[in-house]
């Protein structure tokens, strides 16, 4: 369904009972991501939660009214919480969605019952690490111009974003599968303006490290051992700064342990949330 959220139509999907604790899951990759990933990852939890997933402003099938700032994306999450009628909820975010989850958590700590972070970073230091990892990879011989355009947010149009995305996708998984990469390229909706804004305007200033001490809810931090773009040390930094954080490293995964070690990921998240919400999550 489409909801008018802060003057922008968002593509939103709701799973589970209306009276269940609320879980809002955020996708990554602005201009490339969509609700498909969090739906596949957290949809199975709809037996215990009211799961809300959505295409963020400027991504997937949602309307793209600027600005595409972290402040605006956080405000959209807060408006979704209000629409859902929950006083407190669980937030989950992977990759860039983790950036927005943490931005929400430091602005609205009283609203969160728990937080799940997957393969993300508390600042933009991951960009330098990612560049080094990409250049050291033997999987593909990168077209450096395409690599720099997507990493710096200088893609020219949607077709160019598609070409640049295809260039770096082989780096993401623990086991490289060219057929799977091709399927991902074809399945993606491309919104180059959103992507460019995120990486030219947002990322150079992104840093929540000095505010993570304000997070009051239990936090699960998950990362794949072979994650090239938000490496393990980024998750270690988050876990060291959040007061109630638990770090779990998936040894047979790259950037997507929720896919590459799905059974363990699902069991871990269920066990963590059961403990975190043992005293009840307000609606």
Protein backbone atom coordinates (compact mmCIF):
# COMPACT_ATOMS: atom_id res chain seq x y z
CA UNK A 1 0.00 0.00 0.00
CA UNK A 2 1.02 3.63 -0.35
CA UNK A 3 1.00 6.01 2.63
CA UNK A 4 1.49 9.77 2.64
CA UNK A 5 4.38 10.20 5.07
CA UNK A 6 5.68 13.72 5.61
CA UNK A 7 4.35 14.83 2.22
CA UNK A 8 5.88 11.89 0.32
CA UNK A 9 4.14 8.71 -0.83
CA UNK A 10 5.90 5.66 0.61
CA UNK A 11 5.45 2.09 -0.58
CA UNK A 12 4.74 0.21 2.67
CA UNK A 13 4.02 -3.43 3.50
CA UNK A 14 2.72 -4.69 6.86
CA UNK A 15 2.91 -8.30 8.05
CA UNK A 16 1.62 -9.86 11.25
CA UNK A 17 -1.08 -9.12 13.82
CA UNK A 18 -2.10 -5.55 14.57
CA UNK A 19 -1.74 -6.22 18.31
CA UNK A 20 1.78 -7.68 18.09
CA UNK A 21 4.92 -5.70 19.07
CA UNK A 22 6.03 -3.45 16.22
CA UNK A 23 9.22 -4.07 14.25
CA UNK A 24 10.24 -1.59 11.53
CA UNK A 25 12.99 -2.87 9.21
CA UNK A 26 15.01 -0.56 6.97
CA UNK A 27 16.67 -1.48 3.68
CA UNK A 28 20.12 -0.29 2.68
CA UNK A 29 21.55 1.24 -0.50
CA UNK A 30 19.53 4.42 -1.07
CA UNK A 31 18.50 4.55 -4.73
CA UNK A 32 19.26 0.83 -5.12
CA UNK A 33 17.60 -0.91 -2.18
CA UNK A 34 13.94 -1.71 -1.61
CA UNK A 35 11.62 -3.36 0.89
CA UNK A 36 12.32 -6.73 -0.75
CA UNK A 37 15.38 -7.43 1.43
CA UNK A 38 13.90 -6.56 4.85
CA UNK A 39 10.68 -8.34 3.87
CA UNK A 40 12.62 -11.54 3.15
CA UNK A 41 14.76 -11.11 6.28
CA UNK A 42 12.19 -10.05 8.87
CA UNK A 43 8.94 -11.23 7.31
CA UNK A 44 9.38 -14.65 8.97
CA UNK A 45 9.14 -12.86 12.34
CA UNK A 46 5.54 -11.87 11.57
CA UNK A 47 4.41 -14.78 13.74
CA UNK A 48 5.58 -12.77 16.76
CA UNK A 49 5.75 -9.17 15.51
CA UNK A 50 3.87 -6.65 13.44
CA UNK A 51 6.57 -6.20 10.79
CA UNK A 52 6.61 -2.99 8.74
CA UNK A 53 8.90 -2.70 5.72
CA UNK A 54 8.96 0.10 3.16
CA UNK A 55 10.78 1.64 0.24
CA UNK A 56 12.53 4.67 1.68
CA UNK A 57 11.91 8.11 0.21
CA UNK A 58 13.57 8.13 -3.22
CA UNK A 59 14.04 4.34 -3.43
CA UNK A 60 12.10 1.45 -4.94
CA UNK A 61 8.50 2.41 -5.73
CA UNK A 62 8.27 5.29 -3.25
CA UNK A 63 7.98 8.90 -4.30
CA UNK A 64 11.22 10.84 -4.42
CA UNK A 65 10.66 14.27 -2.94
CA UNK A 66 13.95 15.73 -1.71
CA UNK A 67 15.69 16.10 0.63
CA UNK A 68 17.29 12.67 0.95
CA UNK A 69 19.03 13.52 4.19
CA UNK A 70 19.48 11.34 7.25
CA UNK A 71 17.29 13.78 9.17
CA UNK A 72 14.46 13.35 6.66
CA UNK A 73 14.75 9.56 6.56
CA UNK A 74 14.70 9.46 10.38
CA UNK A 75 11.62 11.72 10.38
CA UNK A 76 9.93 9.31 7.96
CA UNK A 77 10.62 6.39 10.32
CA UNK A 78 9.20 8.36 13.22
CA UNK A 79 6.07 9.19 11.20
CA UNK A 80 5.65 5.49 10.38
CA UNK A 81 5.88 4.68 14.08
CA UNK A 82 3.16 7.21 14.79
CA UNK A 83 1.01 5.82 11.97
CA UNK A 84 1.42 2.31 13.42
CA UNK A 85 0.35 3.55 16.86
CA UNK A 86 3.29 2.14 18.82
CA UNK A 87 4.88 3.94 21.75
CA UNK A 88 7.99 1.75 21.53
CA UNK A 89 9.21 -0.64 18.85
CA UNK A 90 12.09 -2.69 17.48
CA UNK A 91 14.15 -1.10 14.71
CA UNK A 92 16.30 -3.15 12.35
CA UNK A 93 18.65 -1.90 9.67
CA UNK A 94 21.25 -3.41 7.38
CA UNK A 95 24.10 -1.59 5.66
CA UNK A 96 22.96 2.02 4.98
CA UNK A 97 19.71 1.11 6.74
CA UNK A 98 21.87 0.60 9.81
CA UNK A 99 23.09 4.20 9.51
CA UNK A 100 19.49 5.42 9.66
CA UNK A 101 18.61 3.01 12.49
CA UNK A 102 21.47 4.41 14.58
CA UNK A 103 20.55 7.99 13.63
CA UNK A 104 17.02 7.24 14.85
CA UNK A 105 18.29 5.60 18.03
CA UNK A 106 20.38 8.59 19.11
CA UNK A 107 17.51 11.01 18.41
CA UNK A 108 14.68 8.94 19.91
CA UNK A 109 16.22 6.49 22.41
CA UNK A 110 13.03 6.39 24.47
CA UNK A 111 11.09 4.93 21.50
CA UNK A 112 13.18 1.79 21.08
CA UNK A 113 12.69 -1.56 22.76
CA UNK A 114 15.58 -3.16 20.83
CA UNK A 115 17.74 -2.62 17.77
CA UNK A 116 19.21 -5.08 15.25
CA UNK A 117 22.12 -3.85 13.13
CA UNK A 118 23.58 -5.83 10.25
CA UNK A 119 26.82 -5.08 8.36
CA UNK A 120 26.94 -1.36 9.00
CA UNK A 121 29.14 1.44 10.34
CA UNK A 122 28.92 4.29 12.84
CA UNK A 123 30.79 6.72 10.58
CA UNK A 124 32.16 7.04 7.05
CA UNK A 125 35.52 5.47 7.88
CA UNK A 126 34.30 2.31 6.16
CA UNK A 127 34.70 4.02 2.77
CA UNK A 128 38.50 4.00 2.92
CA UNK A 129 38.51 0.41 4.15
CA UNK A 130 36.09 -0.60 1.39
CA UNK A 131 38.26 0.94 -1.31
CA UNK A 132 41.30 -0.96 -0.06
CA UNK A 133 39.34 -4.23 0.08
CA UNK A 134 37.92 -3.75 -3.41
CA UNK A 135 41.29 -3.02 -4.96
CA UNK A 136 42.83 -6.03 -3.21
CA UNK A 137 40.12 -8.44 -4.41
CA UNK A 138 41.11 -11.03 -7.02
CA UNK A 139 37.49 -11.79 -8.01
CA UNK A 140 37.17 -9.17 -10.72
CA UNK A 141 39.34 -6.61 -12.45
CA UNK A 142 37.46 -3.47 -11.51
CA UNK A 143 36.71 -0.68 -13.93
CA UNK A 144 38.10 1.99 -11.62
CA UNK A 145 36.13 4.81 -13.23
CA UNK A 146 32.82 3.02 -12.57
CA UNK A 147 33.98 2.06 -9.10
CA UNK A 148 34.84 5.65 -8.20
CA UNK A 149 31.61 7.02 -9.67
CA UNK A 150 29.38 4.80 -7.55
CA UNK A 151 31.46 5.16 -4.41
CA UNK A 152 31.64 8.96 -4.73
CA UNK A 153 28.01 9.47 -5.80
CA UNK A 154 28.79 10.74 -9.29
CA UNK A 155 26.63 8.41 -11.37
CA UNK A 156 25.22 10.09 -14.50
CA UNK A 157 21.75 8.55 -14.78
CA UNK A 158 19.84 5.40 -13.85
CA UNK A 159 21.51 3.35 -16.57
CA UNK A 160 24.95 4.44 -15.44
CA UNK A 161 24.06 3.54 -11.83
CA UNK A 162 23.05 0.09 -13.10
CA UNK A 163 26.41 -0.35 -14.87
CA UNK A 164 28.35 0.80 -11.81
CA UNK A 165 26.28 -1.45 -9.50
CA UNK A 166 27.02 -4.44 -11.73
CA UNK A 167 30.71 -3.61 -11.43
CA UNK A 168 30.88 -3.85 -7.63
CA UNK A 169 28.27 -6.54 -6.90
CA UNK A 170 30.76 -9.43 -7.29
CA UNK A 171 32.50 -8.15 -4.16
CA UNK A 172 29.57 -8.62 -1.78
CA UNK A 173 29.09 -12.34 -1.16
CA UNK A 174 31.23 -14.91 0.65
CA UNK A 175 31.03 -17.14 -2.45
CA UNK A 176 30.96 -15.41 -5.83
CA UNK A 177 28.12 -16.60 -8.04
CA UNK A 178 27.99 -14.71 -11.39
CA UNK A 179 24.45 -15.92 -12.08
CA UNK A 180 23.25 -14.58 -8.73
CA UNK A 181 24.94 -11.25 -9.42
CA UNK A 182 23.16 -11.03 -12.78
CA UNK A 183 19.81 -11.73 -11.13
CA UNK A 184 20.42 -8.96 -8.58
CA UNK A 185 21.35 -6.48 -11.29
CA UNK A 186 18.14 -7.24 -13.20
CA UNK A 187 15.94 -7.16 -10.07
CA UNK A 188 17.10 -3.74 -8.83
CA UNK A 189 15.19 -0.49 -9.28
CA UNK A 190 17.63 2.33 -10.02
CA UNK A 191 17.21 5.87 -8.63
CA UNK A 192 20.50 7.64 -9.31
CA UNK A 193 19.54 11.03 -7.79
CA UNK A 194 18.93 9.41 -4.40
CA UNK A 195 22.15 7.42 -4.54
CA UNK A 196 24.21 10.45 -5.52
CA UNK A 197 22.73 12.60 -2.75
CA UNK A 198 23.47 9.93 -0.14
CA UNK A 199 27.12 9.66 -1.10
CA UNK A 200 27.92 13.29 -1.92
CA UNK A 201 25.86 15.10 0.74
CA UNK A 202 25.32 12.62 3.59
CA UNK A 203 28.30 10.32 3.82
CA UNK A 204 31.09 12.93 4.12
CA UNK A 205 29.45 14.21 7.33
CA UNK A 206 28.14 10.94 8.75
CA UNK A 207 29.46 10.12 12.23
CA UNK A 208 27.34 9.05 15.22
CA UNK A 209 30.14 7.55 17.32
CA UNK A 210 30.07 10.25 19.98
CA UNK A 211 26.28 9.84 20.40
CA UNK A 212 25.97 6.06 20.60
CA UNK A 213 26.36 6.16 24.36
CA UNK A 214 22.85 7.63 24.46
CA UNK A 215 21.32 4.40 23.11
CA UNK A 216 19.42 2.76 25.95
CA UNK A 217 17.90 -0.36 24.37
CA UNK A 218 19.55 -3.77 23.87
CA UNK A 219 21.39 -3.90 20.53
CA UNK A 220 22.40 -6.88 18.38
CA UNK A 221 25.27 -6.16 15.99
CA UNK A 222 25.77 -8.73 13.23
CA UNK A 223 28.46 -8.79 10.52
CA UNK A 224 29.88 -11.18 7.96
CA UNK A 225 33.56 -12.01 8.32
CA UNK A 226 34.19 -11.29 4.61
CA UNK A 227 32.17 -8.07 4.41
CA UNK A 228 34.20 -5.82 2.09
CA UNK A 229 32.23 -2.57 2.38
CA UNK A 230 31.46 -2.37 6.12
CA UNK A 231 34.20 -4.64 7.48
CA UNK A 232 34.20 -6.37 10.84
CA UNK A 233 36.10 -3.56 12.58
CA UNK A 234 33.19 -1.21 11.87
CA UNK A 235 30.82 -3.48 13.82
CA UNK A 236 33.40 -3.89 16.57
CA UNK A 237 33.46 -0.10 16.93
CA UNK A 238 29.67 0.05 17.25
CA UNK A 239 29.62 -2.74 19.83
CA UNK A 240 32.32 -0.99 21.88
CA UNK A 241 30.35 2.28 22.01
CA UNK A 242 26.77 1.10 22.59
CA UNK A 243 26.09 0.35 26.29
CA UNK A 244 24.00 -2.81 25.77
CA UNK A 245 25.45 -4.26 22.56
CA UNK A 246 26.06 -7.86 21.57
CA UNK A 247 28.36 -8.58 18.61
CA UNK A 248 28.02 -11.71 16.48
CA UNK A 249 30.36 -12.46 13.55
CA UNK A 250 29.22 -14.82 10.80
CA UNK A 251 32.28 -16.67 9.54
CA UNK A 252 30.77 -17.92 6.26
CA UNK A 253 29.26 -14.64 5.08
CA UNK A 254 30.10 -11.47 3.25
CA UNK A 255 27.78 -8.45 3.41
CA UNK A 256 24.61 -10.57 3.72
CA UNK A 257 24.65 -13.11 6.57
CA UNK A 258 20.84 -12.94 6.60
CA UNK A 259 21.03 -14.72 3.22
CA UNK A 260 24.30 -16.64 3.34
CA UNK A 261 23.73 -18.10 6.83
CA UNK A 262 19.99 -17.57 6.98
CA UNK A 263 19.10 -20.32 9.47
CA UNK A 264 21.63 -19.14 12.05
CA UNK A 265 20.67 -15.50 11.46
CA UNK A 266 16.96 -16.18 12.03
CA UNK A 267 17.62 -18.21 15.18
CA UNK A 268 19.95 -15.54 16.57
CA UNK A 269 17.55 -12.67 15.95
CA UNK A 270 14.63 -14.56 17.50
CA UNK A 271 16.67 -15.48 20.57
CA UNK A 272 17.96 -11.91 20.98
CA UNK A 273 14.54 -10.29 20.62
CA UNK A 274 12.92 -12.78 22.98
CA UNK A 275 15.41 -11.79 25.64
CA UNK A 276 15.27 -8.08 24.87
CA UNK A 277 11.49 -7.98 25.08
CA UNK A 278 11.15 -10.38 28.00
CA UNK A 279 9.65 -7.60 30.11
CA UNK A 280 7.28 -6.49 27.36
CA UNK A 281 7.44 -3.94 24.55
CA UNK A 282 4.94 -1.12 24.71
CA UNK A 283 2.65 -0.51 21.77
